[in-house]
């Protein structure tokens, strides 16, 4: 995808970005790629020693995060935190790299560093810009992270 872009949240370890496409060549730069866009769930061959996770989420600004999505997201964030702590380069994506990837990255930051949801939101908003759209512009996702314990 020609307009793929990303920004580091934890330099050299955890990044947030737009949909990178389905080519296995993405794994030349990344050890782990997470696809959060409900509408962009590619089937692809993942090279040995690399990992791809599919976590399709609906980016509905009017609906709170369903409890089952939160629970599964928290579990995935624990796995991603383990990858980060092991020195792997992790990219969490969605269509624009703003909201759905921000929700999972917020949880991941909380799991890696034990920080509050509010601190995770601030790191994402400070570091991620997606085509002019502010990251975590979905108020439901931001509120969910700020209230998550």
N, C-alpha and C. Protein backbone atom coordinates (compact mmCIF):
# COMPACT_ATOMS: atom_id res chain seq x y z
N UNK A 1 0.86 -1.18 0.00
CA UNK A 1 0.00 0.00 0.00
C UNK A 1 0.90 1.23 0.00
N UNK A 2 0.72 2.06 -0.96
CA UNK A 2 1.64 3.18 -1.16
C UNK A 2 1.55 4.26 -0.09
N UNK A 3 0.41 4.40 0.58
CA UNK A 3 0.28 5.47 1.58
C UNK A 3 0.44 4.95 3.01
N UNK A 4 1.04 3.78 3.18
CA UNK A 4 1.31 3.24 4.51
C UNK A 4 2.22 4.20 5.27
N UNK A 5 1.87 4.47 6.51
CA UNK A 5 2.71 5.32 7.36
C UNK A 5 2.58 4.85 8.80
N UNK A 6 3.56 5.19 9.60
CA UNK A 6 3.54 4.79 11.00
C UNK A 6 4.34 5.79 11.82
N UNK A 7 4.14 5.73 13.14
CA UNK A 7 4.92 6.51 14.10
C UNK A 7 5.24 5.61 15.28
N UNK A 8 6.42 5.84 15.86
CA UNK A 8 6.85 5.07 17.03
C UNK A 8 6.18 5.60 18.29
N UNK A 9 5.70 4.68 19.12
CA UNK A 9 5.20 5.01 20.46
C UNK A 9 6.27 4.68 21.49
N UNK A 10 6.95 3.56 21.28
CA UNK A 10 8.14 3.18 22.04
C UNK A 10 9.23 2.99 20.99
N UNK A 11 10.16 3.92 20.89
CA UNK A 11 11.14 3.91 19.80
C UNK A 11 11.81 2.56 19.58
N UNK A 12 11.71 2.10 18.33
CA UNK A 12 12.33 0.85 17.93
C UNK A 12 11.61 -0.41 18.36
N UNK A 13 10.50 -0.25 19.09
CA UNK A 13 9.80 -1.43 19.61
C UNK A 13 8.31 -1.49 19.29
N UNK A 14 7.57 -0.40 19.51
CA UNK A 14 6.12 -0.40 19.33
C UNK A 14 5.71 0.78 18.47
N UNK A 15 5.00 0.49 17.36
CA UNK A 15 4.58 1.54 16.44
C UNK A 15 3.10 1.40 16.13
N UNK A 16 2.53 2.51 15.67
CA UNK A 16 1.13 2.56 15.26
C UNK A 16 1.09 3.06 13.84
N UNK A 17 0.33 2.36 12.97
CA UNK A 17 0.32 2.77 11.58
C UNK A 17 -0.94 2.42 10.83
N UNK A 18 -0.99 2.93 9.61
CA UNK A 18 -2.10 2.63 8.71
C UNK A 18 -1.91 1.24 8.11
N UNK A 19 -2.89 0.80 7.36
CA UNK A 19 -2.86 -0.53 6.77
C UNK A 19 -1.64 -0.68 5.87
N UNK A 20 -0.77 -1.66 6.17
CA UNK A 20 0.47 -1.80 5.41
C UNK A 20 0.37 -2.71 4.20
N UNK A 21 -0.80 -3.26 3.95
CA UNK A 21 -0.95 -4.21 2.85
C UNK A 21 -0.75 -5.63 3.34
N UNK A 22 -0.81 -6.56 2.40
CA UNK A 22 -0.77 -7.97 2.74
C UNK A 22 0.48 -8.68 2.26
N UNK A 23 1.46 -7.96 1.81
CA UNK A 23 2.67 -8.59 1.31
C UNK A 23 3.54 -9.10 2.46
N UNK A 24 4.03 -10.32 2.36
CA UNK A 24 4.94 -10.82 3.40
C UNK A 24 6.20 -9.96 3.54
N UNK A 25 6.47 -9.09 2.56
CA UNK A 25 7.65 -8.23 2.64
C UNK A 25 7.56 -7.24 3.81
N UNK A 26 6.36 -7.01 4.34
CA UNK A 26 6.22 -6.12 5.50
C UNK A 26 7.04 -6.66 6.68
N UNK A 27 7.26 -7.97 6.69
CA UNK A 27 8.00 -8.59 7.79
C UNK A 27 9.51 -8.42 7.67
N UNK A 28 9.96 -7.74 6.64
CA UNK A 28 11.38 -7.39 6.58
C UNK A 28 11.69 -6.32 7.63
N UNK A 29 10.71 -5.47 7.89
CA UNK A 29 10.89 -4.38 8.86
C UNK A 29 10.28 -4.69 10.23
N UNK A 30 9.34 -5.62 10.29
CA UNK A 30 8.59 -5.86 11.52
C UNK A 30 8.63 -7.32 11.90
N UNK A 31 8.69 -7.60 13.19
CA UNK A 31 8.62 -8.97 13.70
C UNK A 31 7.18 -9.40 13.93
N UNK A 32 6.35 -8.43 14.30
CA UNK A 32 4.94 -8.68 14.62
C UNK A 32 4.10 -7.59 13.98
N UNK A 33 3.03 -8.00 13.30
CA UNK A 33 2.08 -7.04 12.72
C UNK A 33 0.68 -7.42 13.19
N UNK A 34 -0.07 -6.42 13.66
CA UNK A 34 -1.44 -6.62 14.12
C UNK A 34 -2.37 -5.87 13.17
N UNK A 35 -3.39 -6.56 12.67
CA UNK A 35 -4.38 -5.98 11.76
C UNK A 35 -5.68 -5.79 12.53
N UNK A 36 -6.04 -4.52 12.83
CA UNK A 36 -7.24 -4.22 13.61
C UNK A 36 -8.41 -3.71 12.78
N UNK A 37 -8.20 -3.37 11.52
CA UNK A 37 -9.30 -2.85 10.70
C UNK A 37 -10.25 -3.99 10.35
N UNK A 38 -11.48 -3.85 10.76
CA UNK A 38 -12.49 -4.88 10.50
C UNK A 38 -12.57 -5.22 9.01
N UNK A 39 -12.43 -4.20 8.18
CA UNK A 39 -12.60 -4.37 6.73
C UNK A 39 -11.30 -4.75 6.00
N UNK A 40 -10.18 -4.79 6.71
CA UNK A 40 -8.89 -5.10 6.11
C UNK A 40 -8.20 -6.22 6.88
N UNK A 41 -8.63 -7.43 6.63
CA UNK A 41 -8.09 -8.61 7.31
C UNK A 41 -7.46 -9.52 6.25
N UNK A 42 -6.20 -9.28 5.91
CA UNK A 42 -5.59 -10.03 4.81
C UNK A 42 -5.25 -11.47 5.17
N UNK A 43 -5.31 -12.31 4.17
CA UNK A 43 -4.80 -13.67 4.29
C UNK A 43 -3.41 -13.62 3.68
N UNK A 44 -2.45 -14.11 4.41
CA UNK A 44 -1.09 -14.05 3.92
C UNK A 44 -0.23 -15.11 4.58
N UNK A 45 0.86 -15.40 3.94
CA UNK A 45 1.84 -16.32 4.51
C UNK A 45 2.77 -15.50 5.39
N UNK A 46 2.89 -15.90 6.64
CA UNK A 46 3.75 -15.19 7.59
C UNK A 46 5.08 -15.94 7.65
N UNK A 47 6.17 -15.23 7.41
CA UNK A 47 7.48 -15.91 7.44
C UNK A 47 7.78 -16.53 8.81
N UNK A 48 8.57 -17.57 8.79
CA UNK A 48 8.99 -18.25 10.01
C UNK A 48 9.67 -17.25 10.95
N UNK A 49 9.34 -17.33 12.23
CA UNK A 49 9.93 -16.45 13.22
C UNK A 49 9.23 -15.11 13.35
N UNK A 50 8.21 -14.87 12.55
CA UNK A 50 7.43 -13.63 12.60
C UNK A 50 6.01 -13.97 13.05
N UNK A 51 5.21 -12.96 13.37
CA UNK A 51 3.84 -13.21 13.82
C UNK A 51 2.89 -12.15 13.27
N UNK A 52 1.69 -12.59 12.92
CA UNK A 52 0.61 -11.68 12.53
C UNK A 52 -0.60 -12.01 13.38
N UNK A 53 -1.23 -10.99 13.91
CA UNK A 53 -2.43 -11.16 14.71
C UNK A 53 -3.56 -10.41 14.02
N UNK A 54 -4.73 -11.04 14.00
CA UNK A 54 -5.91 -10.43 13.40
C UNK A 54 -6.89 -10.14 14.53
N UNK A 55 -7.21 -8.86 14.71
CA UNK A 55 -8.11 -8.45 15.78
C UNK A 55 -9.07 -7.41 15.20
N UNK A 56 -10.03 -7.86 14.37
CA UNK A 56 -10.94 -6.91 13.72
C UNK A 56 -11.85 -6.20 14.71
N UNK A 57 -11.84 -4.87 14.64
CA UNK A 57 -12.64 -4.04 15.54
C UNK A 57 -13.47 -3.07 14.71
N UNK A 58 -14.69 -2.82 15.15
CA UNK A 58 -15.55 -1.82 14.55
C UNK A 58 -15.21 -0.46 15.17
N UNK A 59 -15.00 0.55 14.34
CA UNK A 59 -14.64 1.90 14.81
C UNK A 59 -15.91 2.75 14.89
N UNK A 60 -16.79 2.42 15.82
CA UNK A 60 -18.07 3.11 15.99
C UNK A 60 -17.93 4.15 17.09
N UNK A 61 -18.04 5.42 16.71
CA UNK A 61 -17.85 6.50 17.69
C UNK A 61 -19.03 6.66 18.66
N UNK A 62 -20.12 5.92 18.41
CA UNK A 62 -21.31 6.05 19.26
C UNK A 62 -21.53 4.85 20.18
N UNK A 63 -20.72 3.81 20.02
CA UNK A 63 -20.94 2.59 20.80
C UNK A 63 -19.75 2.33 21.72
N UNK A 64 -20.02 2.14 23.00
CA UNK A 64 -18.92 1.79 23.91
C UNK A 64 -18.24 0.49 23.47
N UNK A 65 -17.01 0.32 23.90
CA UNK A 65 -16.27 -0.90 23.59
C UNK A 65 -16.97 -2.07 24.29
N UNK A 66 -17.41 -3.07 23.53
CA UNK A 66 -18.08 -4.22 24.17
C UNK A 66 -17.13 -4.94 25.13
N UNK A 67 -17.65 -5.46 26.24
CA UNK A 67 -16.81 -6.12 27.24
C UNK A 67 -15.95 -7.25 26.66
N UNK A 68 -16.52 -8.03 25.74
CA UNK A 68 -15.74 -9.14 25.17
C UNK A 68 -14.59 -8.63 24.31
N UNK A 69 -14.78 -7.50 23.63
CA UNK A 69 -13.69 -6.90 22.84
C UNK A 69 -12.61 -6.39 23.79
N UNK A 70 -13.02 -5.77 24.88
CA UNK A 70 -12.06 -5.27 25.86
C UNK A 70 -11.24 -6.42 26.45
N UNK A 71 -11.91 -7.50 26.82
CA UNK A 71 -11.22 -8.64 27.43
C UNK A 71 -10.24 -9.27 26.45
N UNK A 72 -10.67 -9.49 25.21
CA UNK A 72 -9.79 -10.09 24.22
C UNK A 72 -8.66 -9.13 23.84
N UNK A 73 -8.97 -7.83 23.79
CA UNK A 73 -7.94 -6.83 23.50
C UNK A 73 -6.89 -6.79 24.60
N UNK A 74 -7.32 -6.90 25.85
CA UNK A 74 -6.39 -6.89 26.99
C UNK A 74 -5.47 -8.11 26.92
N UNK A 75 -6.04 -9.25 26.54
CA UNK A 75 -5.23 -10.47 26.40
C UNK A 75 -4.21 -10.31 25.27
N UNK A 76 -4.66 -9.81 24.11
CA UNK A 76 -3.74 -9.56 22.99
C UNK A 76 -2.66 -8.58 23.41
N UNK A 77 -3.03 -7.53 24.14
CA UNK A 77 -2.05 -6.53 24.59
C UNK A 77 -0.98 -7.17 25.47
N UNK A 78 -1.36 -8.16 26.28
CA UNK A 78 -0.37 -8.88 27.08
C UNK A 78 0.62 -9.63 26.21
N UNK A 79 0.12 -10.25 25.16
CA UNK A 79 0.99 -10.96 24.22
C UNK A 79 1.91 -9.99 23.51
N UNK A 80 1.36 -8.85 23.08
CA UNK A 80 2.18 -7.83 22.40
C UNK A 80 3.23 -7.25 23.35
N UNK A 81 2.85 -7.05 24.60
CA UNK A 81 3.81 -6.55 25.60
C UNK A 81 4.97 -7.52 25.76
N UNK A 82 4.67 -8.82 25.74
CA UNK A 82 5.73 -9.83 25.81
C UNK A 82 6.68 -9.71 24.61
N UNK A 83 6.11 -9.50 23.42
CA UNK A 83 6.94 -9.30 22.22
C UNK A 83 7.83 -8.07 22.38
N UNK A 84 7.25 -6.99 22.84
CA UNK A 84 8.01 -5.74 23.02
C UNK A 84 9.15 -5.96 24.01
N UNK A 85 8.85 -6.58 25.15
CA UNK A 85 9.87 -6.84 26.17
C UNK A 85 10.98 -7.76 25.66
N UNK A 86 10.64 -8.60 24.68
CA UNK A 86 11.62 -9.52 24.09
C UNK A 86 12.46 -8.85 23.00
N UNK A 87 12.20 -7.56 22.75
CA UNK A 87 12.98 -6.83 21.76
C UNK A 87 12.45 -6.89 20.35
N UNK A 88 11.24 -7.44 20.17
CA UNK A 88 10.64 -7.50 18.84
C UNK A 88 10.10 -6.14 18.42
N UNK A 89 10.10 -5.92 17.12
CA UNK A 89 9.52 -4.70 16.55
C UNK A 89 8.06 -4.99 16.21
N UNK A 90 7.15 -4.30 16.90
CA UNK A 90 5.71 -4.56 16.79
C UNK A 90 5.02 -3.38 16.13
N UNK A 91 4.22 -3.67 15.11
CA UNK A 91 3.41 -2.66 14.41
C UNK A 91 1.94 -3.02 14.58
N UNK A 92 1.17 -2.10 15.15
CA UNK A 92 -0.27 -2.29 15.30
C UNK A 92 -0.94 -1.36 14.30
N UNK A 93 -1.80 -1.93 13.45
CA UNK A 93 -2.39 -1.17 12.35
C UNK A 93 -3.91 -1.21 12.35
N UNK A 94 -4.47 -0.25 11.64
CA UNK A 94 -5.88 -0.27 11.25
C UNK A 94 -5.92 0.47 9.91
N UNK A 95 -7.07 0.86 9.45
CA UNK A 95 -7.13 1.48 8.12
C UNK A 95 -6.28 2.75 8.05
N UNK A 96 -6.49 3.68 8.98
CA UNK A 96 -5.75 4.94 8.97
C UNK A 96 -4.67 5.00 10.04
N UNK A 97 -4.66 4.04 10.94
CA UNK A 97 -3.68 4.06 12.02
C UNK A 97 -4.01 5.07 13.09
N UNK A 98 -5.30 5.27 13.35
CA UNK A 98 -5.70 6.30 14.30
C UNK A 98 -6.43 5.73 15.52
N UNK A 99 -7.54 5.05 15.31
CA UNK A 99 -8.41 4.68 16.43
C UNK A 99 -8.29 3.23 16.89
N UNK A 100 -8.58 2.30 16.00
CA UNK A 100 -8.56 0.89 16.41
C UNK A 100 -7.16 0.48 16.83
N UNK A 101 -6.16 0.89 16.06
CA UNK A 101 -4.78 0.60 16.45
C UNK A 101 -4.43 1.34 17.74
N UNK A 102 -5.00 2.51 17.95
CA UNK A 102 -4.77 3.27 19.17
C UNK A 102 -5.33 2.57 20.39
N UNK A 103 -6.49 1.95 20.24
CA UNK A 103 -7.09 1.22 21.36
C UNK A 103 -6.18 0.07 21.79
N UNK A 104 -5.72 -0.73 20.84
CA UNK A 104 -4.86 -1.86 21.18
C UNK A 104 -3.49 -1.39 21.65
N UNK A 105 -2.95 -0.35 21.04
CA UNK A 105 -1.66 0.17 21.50
C UNK A 105 -1.77 0.77 22.89
N UNK A 106 -2.88 1.41 23.20
CA UNK A 106 -3.07 1.94 24.55
C UNK A 106 -3.02 0.84 25.59
N UNK A 107 -3.72 -0.24 25.31
CA UNK A 107 -3.69 -1.39 26.22
C UNK A 107 -2.28 -1.98 26.30
N UNK A 108 -1.61 -2.02 25.17
CA UNK A 108 -0.25 -2.59 25.15
C UNK A 108 0.70 -1.73 25.96
N UNK A 109 0.62 -0.42 25.82
CA UNK A 109 1.47 0.46 26.63
C UNK A 109 1.22 0.25 28.11
N UNK A 110 -0.04 0.07 28.48
CA UNK A 110 -0.38 -0.17 29.88
C UNK A 110 0.25 -1.48 30.36
N UNK A 111 0.24 -2.49 29.51
CA UNK A 111 0.79 -3.80 29.88
C UNK A 111 2.32 -3.79 29.91
N UNK A 112 2.95 -3.04 29.01
CA UNK A 112 4.41 -2.99 28.96
C UNK A 112 4.97 -2.23 30.15
N UNK A 113 4.42 -1.06 30.42
CA UNK A 113 5.00 -0.15 31.40
C UNK A 113 4.19 0.00 32.69
N UNK A 114 3.04 -0.64 32.78
CA UNK A 114 2.21 -0.50 33.97
C UNK A 114 1.65 0.90 34.14
N UNK A 115 1.59 1.64 33.04
CA UNK A 115 1.09 3.02 33.13
C UNK A 115 -0.42 3.06 33.14
N UNK A 116 -0.96 4.21 33.47
CA UNK A 116 -2.40 4.40 33.47
C UNK A 116 -2.90 4.53 32.03
N UNK A 117 -4.20 4.33 31.86
CA UNK A 117 -4.80 4.53 30.55
C UNK A 117 -4.67 5.96 30.08
N UNK A 118 -4.78 6.90 31.02
CA UNK A 118 -4.64 8.32 30.66
C UNK A 118 -3.24 8.61 30.12
N UNK A 119 -2.22 8.03 30.74
CA UNK A 119 -0.85 8.22 30.26
C UNK A 119 -0.66 7.60 28.88
N UNK A 120 -1.24 6.42 28.68
CA UNK A 120 -1.15 5.76 27.37
C UNK A 120 -1.81 6.61 26.29
N UNK A 121 -2.97 7.18 26.60
CA UNK A 121 -3.67 8.05 25.64
C UNK A 121 -2.79 9.23 25.28
N UNK A 122 -2.17 9.84 26.26
CA UNK A 122 -1.32 11.01 26.00
C UNK A 122 -0.13 10.65 25.11
N UNK A 123 0.49 9.50 25.35
CA UNK A 123 1.62 9.07 24.50
C UNK A 123 1.17 8.88 23.06
N UNK A 124 0.03 8.24 22.87
CA UNK A 124 -0.48 7.99 21.52
C UNK A 124 -0.82 9.31 20.84
N UNK A 125 -1.53 10.19 21.52
CA UNK A 125 -1.92 11.47 20.91
C UNK A 125 -0.70 12.34 20.60
N UNK A 126 0.32 12.27 21.43
CA UNK A 126 1.52 13.07 21.21
C UNK A 126 2.35 12.54 20.04
N UNK A 127 2.39 11.22 19.87
CA UNK A 127 3.30 10.62 18.90
C UNK A 127 2.69 10.21 17.57
N UNK A 128 1.39 10.01 17.50
CA UNK A 128 0.79 9.48 16.27
C UNK A 128 -0.07 10.52 15.57
N UNK A 129 0.29 10.80 14.33
CA UNK A 129 -0.52 11.65 13.45
C UNK A 129 -0.82 10.83 12.21
N UNK A 130 -2.04 10.80 11.78
CA UNK A 130 -2.44 9.99 10.63
C UNK A 130 -3.15 10.85 9.61
N UNK A 131 -2.40 11.32 8.63
CA UNK A 131 -3.01 12.12 7.57
C UNK A 131 -3.78 13.31 8.09
N UNK A 132 -3.29 13.92 9.17
CA UNK A 132 -3.97 15.08 9.74
C UNK A 132 -5.00 14.73 10.80
N UNK A 133 -5.42 13.46 10.86
CA UNK A 133 -6.39 13.06 11.86
C UNK A 133 -5.67 12.76 13.17
N UNK A 134 -6.20 13.28 14.25
CA UNK A 134 -5.61 13.00 15.55
C UNK A 134 -5.88 11.55 15.94
N UNK A 135 -4.88 10.89 16.46
CA UNK A 135 -5.06 9.52 16.95
C UNK A 135 -6.03 9.52 18.11
N UNK A 136 -6.76 8.43 18.24
CA UNK A 136 -7.78 8.26 19.27
C UNK A 136 -8.82 9.37 19.23
N UNK A 137 -9.25 9.73 18.03
CA UNK A 137 -10.33 10.70 17.90
C UNK A 137 -11.69 10.06 18.17
N UNK A 138 -11.75 8.73 18.27
CA UNK A 138 -12.97 8.04 18.66
C UNK A 138 -13.12 8.23 20.17
N UNK A 139 -14.12 9.01 20.60
CA UNK A 139 -14.26 9.30 22.03
C UNK A 139 -14.54 8.07 22.88
N UNK A 140 -15.17 7.07 22.30
CA UNK A 140 -15.45 5.84 23.05
C UNK A 140 -14.16 5.08 23.37
N UNK A 141 -13.25 5.03 22.40
CA UNK A 141 -11.98 4.34 22.62
C UNK A 141 -11.13 5.09 23.64
N UNK A 142 -11.08 6.42 23.49
CA UNK A 142 -10.29 7.20 24.45
C UNK A 142 -10.85 7.04 25.86
N UNK A 143 -12.16 7.16 26.01
CA UNK A 143 -12.79 7.02 27.32
C UNK A 143 -12.52 5.63 27.90
N UNK A 144 -12.62 4.61 27.06
CA UNK A 144 -12.38 3.24 27.52
C UNK A 144 -10.96 3.10 28.10
N UNK A 145 -10.00 3.62 27.39
CA UNK A 145 -8.61 3.53 27.87
C UNK A 145 -8.42 4.31 29.17
N UNK A 146 -9.00 5.51 29.25
CA UNK A 146 -8.83 6.33 30.44
C UNK A 146 -9.46 5.68 31.67
N UNK A 147 -10.48 4.85 31.47
CA UNK A 147 -11.17 4.20 32.59
C UNK A 147 -10.69 2.79 32.87
N UNK A 148 -9.86 2.24 31.97
CA UNK A 148 -9.40 0.86 32.10
C UNK A 148 -8.42 0.72 33.25
N UNK A 149 -8.57 -0.33 34.02
CA UNK A 149 -7.68 -0.59 35.15
C UNK A 149 -7.02 -1.95 34.97
